[in-house]
Amino acid sequence: MEKFITQAILETYLKEFLEHTEVDVAICGAGPSGLLCGYYLAKNKVKVVVFERHLKIGGGMPGGGIMFNKIVFQKEVLPILDELGIDYNHYKDNLYVANSIETISALTYKAVKQGVKIFNLLSVEDVVIREKKICGVVLNWTAVEQAKLHVDPLAVLAKYVVDATGHDCEVAKIVEKKLGWVSVKGEQSMWAEVGEDKLIENTKEVCPGLIVCGMAANAFFGSPRMGAIFGGMFLSGKKAAEIIIARLAK
């Protein structure tokens, strides 16, 4: 029995990984914006894979606000919540409250069922470039990174790479450090109203082949953080998907 359990895991995992060594889009980070970007890409028949360095997915969303597992959305985001089957309650004015665990669970389920392939415990340590365009990511196991072992990585090719790594803006920082193609300003202190508005504006292609979304977009352009309000994160993920779909259609 033990042998077959092992074989079942190895054979199915390796088969799925091999099928995703070349994709349309590689998303780095399985937080809310990365997952929603993947959901809308897959919904439009785009081959997409998400790489998450941590054991869990969802970024900071499951923790809600200081471990109170409630999060806030604006009215503009309600159609997305309805599409994903997420319950919410009106709080006041333009603000609605949802359960953070339900939200990330529903989003993950819908993304996977739509065709998004998620691999956790894999870290992006570099990018692949061809003729001044980002065209893939270089991966290693997170455990290798944490143990500081000298183990060579592997690469996955993609037509577009999405940096959805959150506050650290990790992929863009790799591009800045190694290639000098971009300049990451770093996120500013909390100002929810400004941060939410800027998040949508900042979601864009910052160099050929690299799109920033979610908190990585605000960190890239030096805009404020927002706290436990996630409307902008959802709208940013959707916008990133729309940008890529338009690019791929050309």
Protein backbone atom coordinates (compact mmCIF):
# COMPACT_ATOMS: atom_id res chain seq x y z
CA MET A 1 0.00 0.00 0.00
CA GLU A 2 2.75 2.48 0.98
CA LYS A 3 4.47 2.02 -2.37
CA PHE A 4 1.29 2.82 -4.30
CA ILE A 5 0.55 5.88 -2.17
CA THR A 6 4.02 7.19 -2.96
CA GLN A 7 3.69 6.39 -6.64
CA ALA A 8 0.27 8.02 -6.83
CA ILE A 9 1.61 11.29 -5.39
CA LEU A 10 4.78 11.34 -7.48
CA GLU A 11 3.18 10.37 -10.76
CA THR A 12 0.25 12.78 -10.57
CA TYR A 13 2.30 15.73 -9.26
CA LEU A 14 5.07 15.33 -11.82
CA LYS A 15 2.55 14.92 -14.64
CA GLU A 16 0.82 18.18 -13.67
CA PHE A 17 4.11 20.01 -13.24
CA LEU A 18 5.40 18.83 -16.61
CA GLU A 19 2.17 20.04 -18.22
CA HIS A 20 2.85 23.51 -16.81
CA THR A 21 6.51 24.03 -17.66
CA GLU A 22 5.32 26.31 -20.48
CA VAL A 23 2.18 28.39 -19.97
CA ASP A 24 0.53 31.57 -21.12
CA VAL A 25 0.80 33.22 -17.70
CA ALA A 26 2.82 32.48 -14.56
CA ILE A 27 1.47 34.23 -11.46
CA CYS A 28 3.83 34.62 -8.53
CA GLY A 29 1.86 34.68 -5.29
CA ALA A 30 -1.42 32.98 -4.34
CA GLY A 31 -2.90 35.86 -2.39
CA PRO A 32 -6.31 37.33 -3.27
CA SER A 33 -5.17 39.40 -6.25
CA GLY A 34 -3.08 36.59 -7.74
CA LEU A 35 -5.86 34.04 -7.34
CA LEU A 36 -8.50 36.35 -8.79
CA CYS A 37 -6.21 37.21 -11.71
CA GLY A 38 -5.79 33.48 -12.34
CA TYR A 39 -9.53 32.88 -12.06
CA TYR A 40 -10.41 35.43 -14.74
CA LEU A 41 -7.57 34.30 -16.99
CA ALA A 42 -8.64 30.66 -16.78
CA LYS A 43 -12.25 31.70 -17.32
CA ASN A 44 -11.08 33.15 -20.64
CA LYS A 45 -9.27 29.91 -21.61
CA VAL A 46 -5.80 31.20 -20.78
CA LYS A 47 -3.35 28.56 -19.54
CA VAL A 48 -2.25 29.86 -16.15
CA VAL A 49 -0.20 28.58 -13.22
CA VAL A 50 0.25 30.11 -9.76
CA PHE A 51 3.36 29.60 -7.65
CA GLU A 52 3.17 30.21 -3.91
CA ARG A 53 6.24 30.14 -1.67
CA HIS A 54 4.35 29.37 1.54
CA LEU A 55 2.61 26.21 2.71
CA LYS A 56 -0.75 27.95 2.83
CA ILE A 57 -2.30 30.12 0.17
CA GLY A 58 -4.32 33.29 0.59
CA GLY A 59 -1.64 35.78 1.57
CA GLY A 60 -2.71 37.88 4.54
CA MET A 61 -6.43 37.43 3.89
CA PRO A 62 -7.12 34.46 6.26
CA GLY A 63 -5.89 36.54 9.23
CA GLY A 64 -8.42 39.30 8.58
CA GLY A 65 -7.60 42.33 10.74
CA ILE A 66 -5.16 41.42 13.54
CA MET A 67 -6.46 37.83 13.51
CA PHE A 68 -10.15 38.83 13.60
CA ASN A 69 -11.20 36.83 10.56
CA LYS A 70 -13.38 39.54 9.06
CA ILE A 71 -12.52 41.67 6.02
CA VAL A 72 -14.11 44.68 4.35
CA PHE A 73 -15.17 45.27 0.76
CA GLN A 74 -16.70 48.20 -1.10
CA LYS A 75 -20.01 48.04 -2.92
CA GLU A 76 -18.25 48.05 -6.32
CA VAL A 77 -16.85 44.59 -5.59
CA LEU A 78 -20.13 42.91 -4.71
CA PRO A 79 -20.69 41.50 -8.24
CA ILE A 80 -17.40 39.61 -7.92
CA LEU A 81 -18.36 38.29 -4.48
CA ASP A 82 -21.71 37.19 -5.87
CA GLU A 83 -20.00 35.44 -8.78
CA LEU A 84 -17.77 33.54 -6.37
CA GLY A 85 -20.65 32.70 -4.00
CA ILE A 86 -19.22 34.65 -1.05
CA ASP A 87 -21.63 35.86 1.65
CA TYR A 88 -21.37 39.40 3.01
CA ASN A 89 -23.28 41.85 5.17
CA HIS A 90 -23.74 45.59 4.81
CA TYR A 91 -21.96 47.51 7.56
CA LYS A 92 -22.41 51.19 6.76
CA ASP A 93 -22.23 53.55 3.81
CA ASN A 94 -20.20 51.84 1.05
CA LEU A 95 -18.67 49.16 3.27
CA TYR A 96 -19.53 45.46 3.48
CA VAL A 97 -18.10 42.78 5.76
CA ALA A 98 -17.22 39.19 4.77
CA ASN A 99 -15.60 36.24 6.52
CA SER A 100 -11.96 36.04 5.49
CA ILE A 101 -11.81 32.23 5.69
CA GLU A 102 -14.90 31.78 3.54
CA THR A 103 -13.64 34.38 1.07
CA ILE A 104 -10.24 32.85 0.42
CA SER A 105 -11.67 29.32 0.44
CA ALA A 106 -14.35 30.21 -2.12
CA LEU A 107 -11.88 32.09 -4.29
CA THR A 108 -9.40 29.21 -4.22
CA TYR A 109 -12.08 26.64 -5.00
CA LYS A 110 -13.50 28.66 -7.88
CA ALA A 111 -10.02 29.33 -9.31
CA VAL A 112 -9.02 25.67 -9.21
CA LYS A 113 -12.32 24.52 -10.69
CA GLN A 114 -11.93 27.10 -13.45
CA GLY A 115 -8.60 25.53 -14.39
CA VAL A 116 -5.96 27.45 -12.42
CA LYS A 117 -3.09 25.19 -11.42
CA ILE A 118 -1.55 26.11 -8.05
CA PHE A 119 1.82 24.84 -6.80
CA ASN A 120 2.71 25.80 -3.25
CA LEU A 121 6.08 25.66 -1.45
CA LEU A 122 7.88 26.95 -4.56
CA SER A 123 9.80 30.24 -4.52
CA VAL A 124 10.68 32.44 -7.47
CA GLU A 125 14.38 33.24 -7.32
CA ASP A 126 14.93 34.69 -10.79
CA VAL A 127 13.26 35.41 -14.13
CA VAL A 128 13.89 34.13 -17.63
CA ILE A 129 14.60 36.82 -20.24
CA ARG A 130 14.73 36.83 -24.01
CA GLU A 131 15.38 39.96 -26.08
CA LYS A 132 14.58 42.39 -23.25
CA LYS A 133 11.32 40.69 -22.27
CA ILE A 134 10.42 38.71 -19.17
CA CYS A 135 9.33 35.31 -20.45
CA GLY A 136 9.38 32.98 -17.50
CA VAL A 137 10.30 32.35 -13.87
CA VAL A 138 13.10 30.45 -12.17
CA LEU A 139 11.92 28.27 -9.29
CA ASN A 140 13.29 26.43 -6.31
CA TRP A 141 11.73 24.75 -3.30
CA THR A 142 11.05 27.15 -0.45
CA ALA A 143 12.74 24.71 1.92
CA VAL A 144 15.92 24.97 -0.16
CA GLU A 145 15.76 28.76 0.07
CA GLN A 146 15.17 28.72 3.82
CA ALA A 147 17.96 26.22 4.46
CA LYS A 148 20.32 28.25 2.23
CA LEU A 149 21.33 25.13 0.31
CA HIS A 150 23.24 25.39 -2.94
CA VAL A 151 20.73 23.65 -5.21
CA ASP A 152 20.23 24.67 -8.82
CA PRO A 153 16.72 25.77 -9.81
CA LEU A 154 14.40 24.95 -12.70
CA ALA A 155 12.51 27.25 -15.05
CA VAL A 156 8.95 27.64 -16.28
CA LEU A 157 8.36 29.62 -19.48
CA ALA A 158 5.46 32.04 -19.81
CA LYS A 159 4.27 34.71 -22.21
CA TYR A 160 3.55 36.95 -19.21
CA VAL A 161 4.59 36.94 -15.56
CA VAL A 162 2.45 38.51 -12.85
CA ASP A 163 4.05 39.80 -9.65
CA ALA A 164 1.35 39.27 -7.04
CA THR A 165 3.81 38.71 -4.19
CA GLY A 166 2.28 41.38 -1.98
CA HIS A 167 4.07 43.96 0.11
CA ASP A 168 7.55 42.68 -0.78
CA CYS A 169 7.09 43.01 -4.56
CA GLU A 170 9.60 40.20 -4.90
CA VAL A 171 9.66 39.57 -8.64
CA ALA A 172 9.96 43.23 -9.58
CA LYS A 173 12.81 43.57 -7.06
CA ILE A 174 14.61 40.69 -8.80
CA VAL A 175 14.21 42.51 -12.11
CA GLU A 176 15.43 45.74 -10.51
CA LYS A 177 18.48 44.14 -8.88
CA LYS A 178 19.61 41.87 -11.69
CA LEU A 179 18.52 43.73 -14.82
CA GLY A 180 17.97 47.33 -13.79
CA TRP A 181 14.86 47.56 -15.95
CA VAL A 182 12.60 48.92 -13.20
CA SER A 183 12.79 50.90 -9.97
CA VAL A 184 10.75 49.70 -6.98
CA LYS A 185 9.82 52.57 -4.67
CA GLY A 186 8.38 50.55 -1.78
CA GLU A 187 4.99 50.90 -0.13
CA GLN A 188 4.11 53.83 2.09
CA SER A 189 2.28 53.98 5.42
CA MET A 190 -1.43 53.23 5.71
CA TRP A 191 -3.97 55.51 4.02
CA ALA A 192 -6.86 53.29 2.99
CA GLU A 193 -8.76 55.65 0.69
CA VAL A 194 -5.71 56.65 -1.34
CA GLY A 195 -4.23 53.15 -1.29
CA GLU A 196 -7.43 51.59 -2.65
CA ASP A 197 -7.69 54.08 -5.51
CA LYS A 198 -4.00 53.88 -6.38
CA LEU A 199 -4.07 50.09 -6.39
CA ILE A 200 -6.22 50.01 -9.51
CA GLU A 201 -4.23 52.76 -11.20
CA ASN A 202 -0.93 51.03 -10.40
CA THR A 203 -1.95 47.65 -11.82
CA LYS A 204 -0.12 47.59 -15.14
CA GLU A 205 2.73 46.18 -17.21
CA VAL A 206 5.87 47.75 -15.73
CA CYS A 207 8.35 46.26 -18.20
CA PRO A 208 7.89 43.93 -21.17
CA GLY A 209 6.30 40.73 -19.93
CA LEU A 210 5.88 41.73 -16.25
CA ILE A 211 2.59 42.89 -14.74
CA VAL A 212 2.23 43.99 -11.11
CA CYS A 213 -1.03 43.59 -9.22
CA GLY A 214 -2.32 43.63 -5.67
CA MET A 215 -0.07 45.09 -2.98
CA ALA A 216 2.93 44.47 -5.23
CA ALA A 217 1.53 47.22 -7.49
CA ASN A 218 1.36 49.75 -4.65
CA ALA A 219 4.78 48.72 -3.38
CA PHE A 220 6.19 49.12 -6.88
CA PHE A 221 4.93 52.67 -7.30
CA GLY A 222 5.34 53.86 -3.70
CA SER A 223 1.65 54.11 -2.79
CA PRO A 224 0.10 53.56 0.67
CA ARG A 225 -1.01 50.29 2.17
CA MET A 226 -4.69 49.82 3.03
CA GLY A 227 -5.13 47.31 5.85
CA ALA A 228 -7.91 44.73 5.93
CA ILE A 229 -9.99 46.12 3.09
CA PHE A 230 -9.78 43.96 -0.02
CA GLY A 231 -11.92 45.58 -2.71
CA GLY A 232 -8.90 47.04 -4.45
CA MET A 233 -7.10 43.71 -4.30
CA PHE A 234 -9.97 41.99 -6.11
CA LEU A 235 -10.34 44.73 -8.71
CA SER A 236 -6.57 44.78 -9.24
CA GLY A 237 -6.47 41.04 -9.91
CA LYS A 238 -9.31 41.36 -12.38
CA LYS A 239 -7.66 44.31 -14.12
CA ALA A 240 -4.36 42.42 -14.43
CA ALA A 241 -6.23 39.56 -16.11
CA GLU A 242 -7.93 41.98 -18.50
CA ILE A 243 -4.57 43.54 -19.44
CA ILE A 244 -3.09 40.15 -20.25
CA ILE A 245 -6.14 38.94 -22.17
CA ALA A 246 -5.95 42.07 -24.34
CA ARG A 247 -2.20 41.53 -24.92
CA LEU A 248 -2.66 37.88 -25.85
CA ALA A 249 -5.42 38.77 -28.31
CA LYS A 250 -3.07 40.94 -30.41
